Protein backbone atom coordinates (compact mmCIF):
# COMPACT_ATOMS: atom_id res chain seq x y z
CA MET A 1 0.00 0.00 0.00
CA LYS A 2 1.37 3.39 -0.97
CA SER A 3 2.11 5.86 1.82
CA GLU A 4 0.26 9.19 1.66
CA GLU A 5 2.40 10.80 4.34
CA ILE A 6 3.80 14.00 2.83
CA LEU A 7 7.47 14.79 3.49
CA LEU A 8 7.92 17.77 1.18
CA ILE A 9 5.71 20.41 -0.47
CA ASP A 10 7.22 22.60 -3.16
CA LEU A 11 6.34 24.61 -6.25
CA ASN A 12 5.38 22.35 -9.12
CA MET A 13 6.75 24.39 -12.04
CA GLU A 14 10.09 26.10 -12.53
CA ILE A 15 8.44 29.15 -14.10
CA HIS A 16 6.75 30.01 -10.79
CA LYS A 17 10.07 29.91 -8.95
CA LYS A 18 11.04 32.99 -10.96
CA TYR A 19 8.35 35.13 -9.30
CA PHE A 20 8.47 36.88 -5.94
CA ILE A 21 4.96 37.73 -4.75
CA VAL A 22 3.94 40.63 -2.52
CA ASN A 23 0.43 40.12 -1.15
CA TRP A 24 -0.56 43.70 -0.39
CA ILE A 25 -3.68 44.42 1.67
CA LEU A 26 -5.06 47.79 0.59
CA ASN A 27 -7.34 48.43 3.56
CA ASP A 28 -8.38 47.11 6.93
CA ASP A 29 -12.03 46.35 6.18
CA SER A 30 -12.84 45.20 9.71
CA PHE A 31 -14.09 48.72 10.35
CA ALA A 32 -14.24 50.03 6.82
CA VAL A 33 -16.77 52.53 5.56
CA PRO A 34 -17.67 52.38 1.85
CA GLY A 35 -15.89 55.13 -0.06
CA LYS A 36 -13.38 55.86 2.68
CA ASN A 37 -9.73 55.31 1.84
CA LEU A 38 -8.10 53.36 4.67
CA PHE A 39 -4.84 52.44 2.99
CA PHE A 40 -2.08 53.21 5.49
CA LEU A 41 -4.68 54.77 7.78
CA ILE A 42 -1.98 55.64 10.31
CA ASP A 43 1.20 57.48 9.32
CA GLN A 44 3.81 55.42 11.19
CA SER A 45 6.20 58.36 11.48
CA THR A 46 3.73 60.54 13.41
CA LYS A 47 1.31 57.87 14.73
CA LYS A 48 -1.51 60.09 13.51
CA ILE A 49 -4.20 59.57 10.91
CA SER A 50 -2.72 60.48 7.56
CA ASN A 51 -4.41 62.80 5.07
CA ASN A 52 -1.89 61.98 2.37
CA THR A 53 -2.31 58.25 2.05
CA LEU A 54 -1.54 58.08 -1.68
CA GLU A 55 1.93 59.55 -1.29
CA ILE A 56 2.62 57.29 1.69
CA SER A 57 1.47 54.35 -0.43
CA LYS A 58 3.78 55.30 -3.29
CA ARG A 59 6.80 55.71 -1.03
CA SER A 60 6.09 52.40 0.67
CA ILE A 61 5.75 50.53 -2.63
CA GLU A 62 9.02 51.99 -3.93
CA LYS A 63 10.75 51.09 -0.67
CA CYS A 64 9.35 47.56 -0.88
CA ILE A 65 10.59 47.13 -4.47
CA GLN A 66 14.05 48.38 -3.53
CA PHE A 67 14.15 46.09 -0.49
CA ILE A 68 13.27 42.99 -2.53
CA ARG A 69 15.59 43.74 -5.44
CA GLN A 70 18.54 44.03 -3.06
CA LYS A 71 17.97 40.39 -2.14
CA THR A 72 16.66 38.65 -5.28
CA ASN A 73 16.49 39.09 -9.04
CA LYS A 74 13.09 37.41 -9.35
CA ASN A 75 10.21 39.08 -11.17
CA ILE A 76 8.10 40.90 -8.58
CA VAL A 77 4.32 40.52 -8.60
CA PHE A 78 2.26 42.90 -6.45
CA ASN A 79 -1.01 41.18 -5.63
CA PHE A 80 -3.56 43.60 -4.17
CA PHE A 81 -6.42 42.73 -1.82
CA GLY A 82 -9.15 45.00 -0.51
CA GLY A 83 -9.44 47.48 -3.36
CA GLU A 84 -13.22 47.68 -2.88
CA PHE A 85 -12.86 50.85 -0.81
CA PHE A 86 -9.91 52.40 -2.61
CA ARG A 87 -10.52 55.48 -4.74
CA GLN A 88 -10.19 54.48 -8.36
CA SER A 89 -7.92 57.36 -9.39
CA GLU A 90 -5.49 56.48 -6.61
CA ILE A 91 -5.30 52.76 -7.26
CA LYS A 92 -4.67 53.57 -10.93
CA GLU A 93 -1.66 55.63 -9.90
CA LEU A 94 -0.31 52.70 -7.89
CA TYR A 95 -0.61 50.39 -10.89
CA MET A 96 1.14 52.95 -13.09
CA LEU A 97 3.95 53.26 -10.53
CA LEU A 98 4.43 49.49 -10.48
CA LYS A 99 4.52 49.33 -14.28
CA LYS A 100 7.12 52.11 -14.29
CA ASN A 101 9.22 49.92 -11.98
CA ASN A 102 8.82 46.84 -14.23
CA CYS A 103 6.69 44.94 -11.74
CA LYS A 104 3.79 42.62 -12.52
CA THR A 105 0.39 43.64 -11.18
CA ALA A 106 -2.40 41.47 -9.82
CA ILE A 107 -5.62 41.96 -7.89
CA VAL A 108 -8.05 39.74 -6.00
CA ALA A 109 -11.52 41.30 -6.27
CA ASN A 110 -14.34 40.10 -4.03
CA HIS A 111 -16.89 41.48 -6.43
CA PHE A 112 -16.77 42.11 -10.14
CA HIS A 113 -17.21 45.92 -10.15
CA LYS A 114 -18.98 47.70 -12.98
CA LEU A 115 -17.46 47.61 -16.44
CA GLN A 116 -16.51 51.31 -16.18
CA TYR A 117 -14.22 50.50 -13.25
CA TRP A 118 -12.25 48.00 -15.29
CA GLU A 119 -12.16 50.20 -18.40
CA ASN A 120 -10.39 52.89 -16.37
CA ILE A 121 -7.49 50.58 -15.48
CA SER A 122 -7.43 48.57 -18.70
CA GLY A 123 -3.94 47.42 -19.65
CA LEU A 124 -2.47 48.05 -16.18
CA LEU A 125 -3.30 44.68 -14.64
CA ASP A 126 -1.43 41.52 -15.65
CA PHE A 127 -3.48 39.13 -13.50
CA ILE A 128 -7.04 39.42 -12.22
CA THR A 129 -8.72 37.06 -9.76
CA LEU A 130 -12.48 37.41 -9.39
CA ASN A 131 -14.37 35.79 -6.52
CA TYR A 132 -17.83 34.84 -7.73
CA HIS A 133 -20.70 34.75 -5.19
CA ALA A 134 -23.77 33.32 -6.89
CA ASP A 135 -26.16 35.11 -4.51
CA TYR A 136 -24.77 38.55 -5.34
CA MET A 137 -23.91 38.49 -9.03
CA ASN A 138 -25.98 37.71 -12.10
CA ILE A 139 -24.09 35.21 -14.25
CA GLU A 140 -24.77 37.10 -17.49
CA THR A 141 -23.24 40.26 -16.01
CA ALA A 142 -20.27 38.25 -14.80
CA LEU A 143 -19.77 36.74 -18.26
CA SER A 144 -19.72 40.16 -19.92
CA ILE A 145 -17.08 41.43 -17.46
CA VAL A 146 -14.89 38.33 -17.84
CA ASP A 147 -15.19 38.66 -21.62
CA TYR A 148 -13.86 42.23 -21.41
CA LEU A 149 -11.06 41.50 -18.94
CA ARG A 150 -9.65 38.46 -20.73
CA LYS A 151 -8.63 40.59 -23.71
CA ASN A 152 -5.94 42.51 -21.77
CA SER A 153 -5.26 40.41 -18.66
CA ILE A 154 -4.94 36.80 -17.56
CA VAL A 155 -8.12 36.04 -15.64
CA SER A 156 -8.93 33.51 -12.94
CA VAL A 157 -12.39 33.09 -11.41
CA ASN A 158 -12.90 31.52 -7.99
CA ILE A 159 -16.38 30.02 -7.63
CA LEU A 160 -17.30 30.18 -3.95
CA MET A 161 -19.48 27.15 -3.33
CA LEU A 162 -22.38 28.40 -1.18
CA ASP A 163 -24.31 25.63 0.55
CA LYS A 164 -27.76 27.19 -0.05
CA SER A 165 -26.90 28.08 -3.67
CA PHE A 166 -24.77 25.06 -4.44
CA LYS A 167 -26.25 24.12 -7.82
CA LYS A 168 -26.35 27.76 -8.87
CA SER A 169 -22.66 28.20 -7.95
CA ARG A 170 -21.62 25.07 -9.84
CA ALA A 171 -23.66 26.05 -12.91
CA ALA A 172 -21.99 29.47 -12.95
CA GLY A 173 -18.54 27.88 -12.97
CA GLU A 174 -19.52 25.50 -15.74
CA LYS A 175 -20.91 28.38 -17.81
CA ILE A 176 -17.68 30.38 -17.51
CA ILE A 177 -15.63 27.31 -18.48
CA GLU A 178 -17.86 26.70 -21.49
CA SER A 179 -17.67 30.32 -22.62
CA PHE A 180 -13.96 31.04 -22.07
CA PRO A 181 -11.52 28.09 -22.41
CA GLU A 182 -8.52 30.32 -21.62
CA VAL A 183 -9.91 31.52 -18.27
CA ILE A 184 -8.82 29.67 -15.12
CA VAL A 185 -11.81 28.53 -13.05
CA ARG A 186 -11.43 27.08 -9.57
CA PHE A 187 -14.07 25.85 -7.12
CA HIS A 188 -13.62 26.79 -3.48
CA ALA A 189 -15.13 25.31 -0.36
CA ILE A 190 -15.64 28.00 2.27
CA ASN A 191 -13.02 27.39 4.91
CA GLN A 192 -14.29 28.57 8.29
CA ASN A 193 -10.74 29.18 9.46
CA ASN A 194 -9.85 31.38 6.50
CA LEU A 195 -12.26 34.29 6.15
CA ASP A 196 -9.66 37.02 6.78
CA PHE A 197 -9.41 37.92 3.09
CA THR A 198 -13.16 37.72 2.55
CA PHE A 199 -15.01 40.96 1.86
CA TRP A 200 -16.66 41.97 5.17
CA PHE A 201 -20.10 42.21 3.50
CA PHE A 202 -20.08 38.42 2.96
CA ARG A 203 -18.17 37.36 6.06
CA GLU A 204 -21.06 36.78 8.49
CA LYS A 205 -23.01 34.85 5.85
CA LEU A 206 -20.06 32.64 5.05
CA LYS A 207 -19.47 31.80 8.72
CA SER A 208 -22.80 29.99 8.82
CA ILE A 209 -22.12 27.71 5.85
CA SER A 210 -22.47 23.98 6.49
CA TYR A 211 -22.03 21.44 3.70
CA SER A 212 -23.84 18.13 3.40
CA LYS A 213 -21.85 14.93 2.85
CA GLU A 214 -22.92 14.92 -0.81
CA GLN A 215 -21.86 18.54 -1.28
CA LYS A 216 -18.42 17.87 0.22
CA GLU A 217 -17.92 14.98 -2.19
CA GLU A 218 -19.02 17.09 -5.16
CA ILE A 219 -16.65 19.91 -4.18
CA ARG A 220 -13.81 17.39 -4.06
CA ASN A 221 -14.68 16.20 -7.59
CA LEU A 222 -14.99 19.78 -8.88
CA ILE A 223 -11.55 20.68 -7.51
CA ILE A 224 -10.03 17.61 -9.19
CA TYR A 225 -11.81 18.55 -12.43
CA ALA A 226 -10.46 22.13 -12.20
CA ARG A 227 -6.94 20.82 -11.62
CA GLU A 228 -7.06 18.46 -14.60
CA ARG A 229 -8.53 21.15 -16.86
CA ILE A 230 -5.81 23.65 -15.91
CA LEU A 231 -3.09 21.09 -16.57
CA LYS A 232 -4.60 19.87 -19.85
CA LEU A 233 -4.95 23.40 -21.27
CA ASN A 234 -1.54 24.55 -19.93
CA LEU A 235 -3.17 27.41 -18.08
CA ALA A 236 -0.93 27.21 -15.01
CA GLU A 237 2.15 28.37 -16.93
CA LYS A 238 0.45 31.67 -17.71
CA TRP A 239 -0.38 32.42 -14.07
CA TYR A 240 2.02 33.87 -11.49
CA GLN A 241 1.34 31.19 -8.88
CA GLY A 242 0.74 27.58 -9.73
CA PHE A 243 0.37 24.12 -8.30
CA VAL A 244 2.31 22.50 -5.52
CA SER A 245 4.02 19.12 -5.72
CA SER A 246 3.53 16.88 -2.70
CA PHE A 247 6.26 14.29 -2.22
CA THR A 248 5.34 11.26 -0.13
CA ARG A 249 7.42 8.82 1.91
CA ASP A 250 7.54 6.29 -0.94
CA GLY A 251 8.98 8.82 -3.39
CA GLN A 252 5.77 9.53 -5.28
CA SER A 253 4.79 13.09 -6.17
CA LEU A 254 1.44 14.61 -7.05
CA ALA A 255 0.59 18.02 -8.50
CA SER A 256 -2.19 19.57 -6.45
CA LEU A 257 -4.06 22.81 -6.09
CA PRO A 258 -3.63 24.26 -2.58
CA GLU A 259 -7.37 23.98 -1.94
CA GLU A 260 -7.05 20.28 -2.71
CA LEU A 261 -4.54 19.77 0.12
CA CYS A 262 -6.74 21.75 2.50
CA LEU A 263 -9.80 19.67 1.62
CA LYS A 264 -7.83 16.46 2.23
CA GLY A 265 -6.67 17.74 5.62
CA LYS A 266 -3.03 17.77 4.48
CA ASN A 267 -2.52 21.35 5.70
CA ASN A 268 -1.66 20.62 9.33
CA LEU A 269 1.90 21.92 9.11
CA ASP A 270 2.47 22.95 12.71
CA GLY A 271 6.16 22.43 13.44
CA TRP A 272 7.15 22.24 9.75
CA LEU A 273 9.84 24.37 8.14
CA CYS A 274 8.24 27.01 5.92
CA TRP A 275 10.06 29.06 3.29
CA ALA A 276 7.43 31.83 3.22
CA GLY A 277 9.25 35.12 3.14
CA GLN A 278 11.80 33.89 0.63
CA GLU A 279 9.15 33.37 -2.04
CA GLN A 280 6.50 35.89 -0.97
CA LEU A 281 5.72 38.57 1.59
CA THR A 282 2.51 40.03 2.99
CA VAL A 283 2.05 43.75 3.68
CA ASP A 284 -0.95 44.84 5.76
CA ALA A 285 -2.95 48.05 5.58
CA PHE A 286 -0.59 49.82 7.96
CA GLY A 287 2.66 48.97 6.22
CA ASN A 288 3.60 46.06 8.47
CA VAL A 289 5.54 43.35 6.62
CA PHE A 290 5.09 39.66 7.42
CA ARG A 291 6.45 36.46 5.95
CA ALA A 292 3.01 35.19 4.98
CA ALA A 293 -0.71 35.90 4.98
CA CYS A 294 -1.06 34.05 8.30
CA PHE A 295 0.88 37.03 9.78
CA GLN A 296 3.51 34.88 11.47
CA ASP A 297 6.84 36.62 12.01
CA TRP A 298 6.64 40.42 11.79
CA LEU A 299 9.60 41.66 9.74
CA GLY A 300 9.24 45.41 10.23
CA ASN A 301 7.28 48.35 8.88
CA LEU A 302 7.80 50.07 5.53
CA ASN A 303 7.38 53.45 7.22
CA GLY A 304 9.90 52.56 9.90
CA LYS A 305 13.67 52.35 9.93
CA GLU A 306 14.23 48.79 8.84
CA VAL A 307 12.58 45.68 7.42
CA LYS A 308 14.56 42.49 8.00
CA TRP A 309 15.00 39.96 5.20
CA PRO A 310 13.97 36.41 6.21
CA ALA A 311 17.18 34.63 5.23
CA LEU A 312 16.14 31.28 6.72
CA PRO A 313 12.90 29.28 6.79
CA ILE A 314 10.74 29.54 9.88
CA ILE A 315 9.12 26.84 11.98
CA CYS A 316 5.36 27.11 11.46
CA ASN A 317 3.37 27.72 14.65
CA ARG A 318 -0.09 27.62 13.11
CA LYS A 319 -2.42 24.68 13.68
CA ASN A 320 -3.46 24.68 10.02
CA CYS A 321 -2.18 26.44 6.91
CA ASN A 322 -5.51 27.72 5.61
CA ASN A 323 -4.56 30.48 3.22
CA TYR A 324 -4.18 29.27 -0.36
CA PHE A 325 -1.44 31.82 -1.05
CA ASP A 326 0.59 30.55 1.90
CA MET A 327 0.14 26.94 0.84
CA VAL A 328 1.93 27.54 -2.46
CA GLY A 329 5.58 27.33 -1.49
CA LYS A 330 8.27 25.09 -0.09
CA LYS A 331 7.55 23.30 3.21
CA GLN A 332 8.94 20.23 4.91
CA PRO A 333 8.86 18.63 8.35
CA TYR A 334 11.45 19.93 10.78
CA ILE A 335 13.92 17.13 11.46
CA ASP A 336 15.94 17.19 14.66
CA TYR A 337 18.24 14.18 15.05
CA ASN A 338 18.83 12.91 18.57
CA THR A 339 19.70 9.59 20.22
CA GLU A 340 16.02 8.69 20.66
CA ASN A 341 14.83 9.18 17.10
CA ILE A 342 17.88 8.65 14.87
CA LYS A 343 17.04 5.02 14.05
CA LYS A 344 13.46 5.89 13.14
CA LEU A 345 14.48 8.90 11.04
CA ALA A 346 17.21 6.95 9.25
CA LYS A 347 14.59 4.51 7.96
CA MET A 348 12.81 7.39 6.19
CA PHE A 349 15.75 7.87 3.85
CA LYS A 350 16.48 4.26 2.94
């Protein structure tokens, strides 16, 4: 019988090892007010509310680019979250600044916005991820927006599988796949431990989701179908973040989507070595820099004196790795040889 015990998780494709990803949270939406810009709400130099957030944002982005390029020659991708409350003219300036600095641009949008929004930033976004909520978006409207965006950007659509609108959610994903073969479509179970990056408007609703046994099985099959479709059509190579390879005790390896590992319960990595920080960083709404989206290991603040570079992997202290961005990267169990375990550990490498 083949062992399913995973001993190493790593990026599946060499092309994705050439990217360094900055997951940048544009606002703290836990107390956000629609229309109010909360990006870098507090000026770290004065500890007061800043009235010049755009300039602070620009300086922080330039400092972040300089910081990364001193340590690596990888292509930098800035992946923005939380743009729902950001003034359109300002976010456009940030995209233009990144393009000027030869960076790739990406955004994760929790709703599709009106077509006018996307027209205003056309050509400035390399990658667009759209989270589709069947209860809040008409599929025909969604199709028209995806059709527009795919002409200038690489598009991925996450279908959030709502328990009360399960068939409607699945049908929406199938319709997008049928209409646009080049668009990446993934099906997501709502993870109760990972709602931090969910738009606050949906958060309370999503907390109450409970899947039936049949729905859980169907989600598993949909995720496998999405994985096979992406591989068959070579869509992963076009994206900035791809699959992970899971290497088991018996030497076998399997390409998986991060949501696949989470659904199988293979994301309990407490005590593992994690290379987050050497492949990606997370910046919060106040300029704090962390290794990963789980916010383990604060590295400094972009408005402060220094941000430290994580030269070594860190030992994970989280019960579960629930964020799909964090899951995509190198991880392995921490091995500490001693007189009690050396015989057992030696057998692993025979």
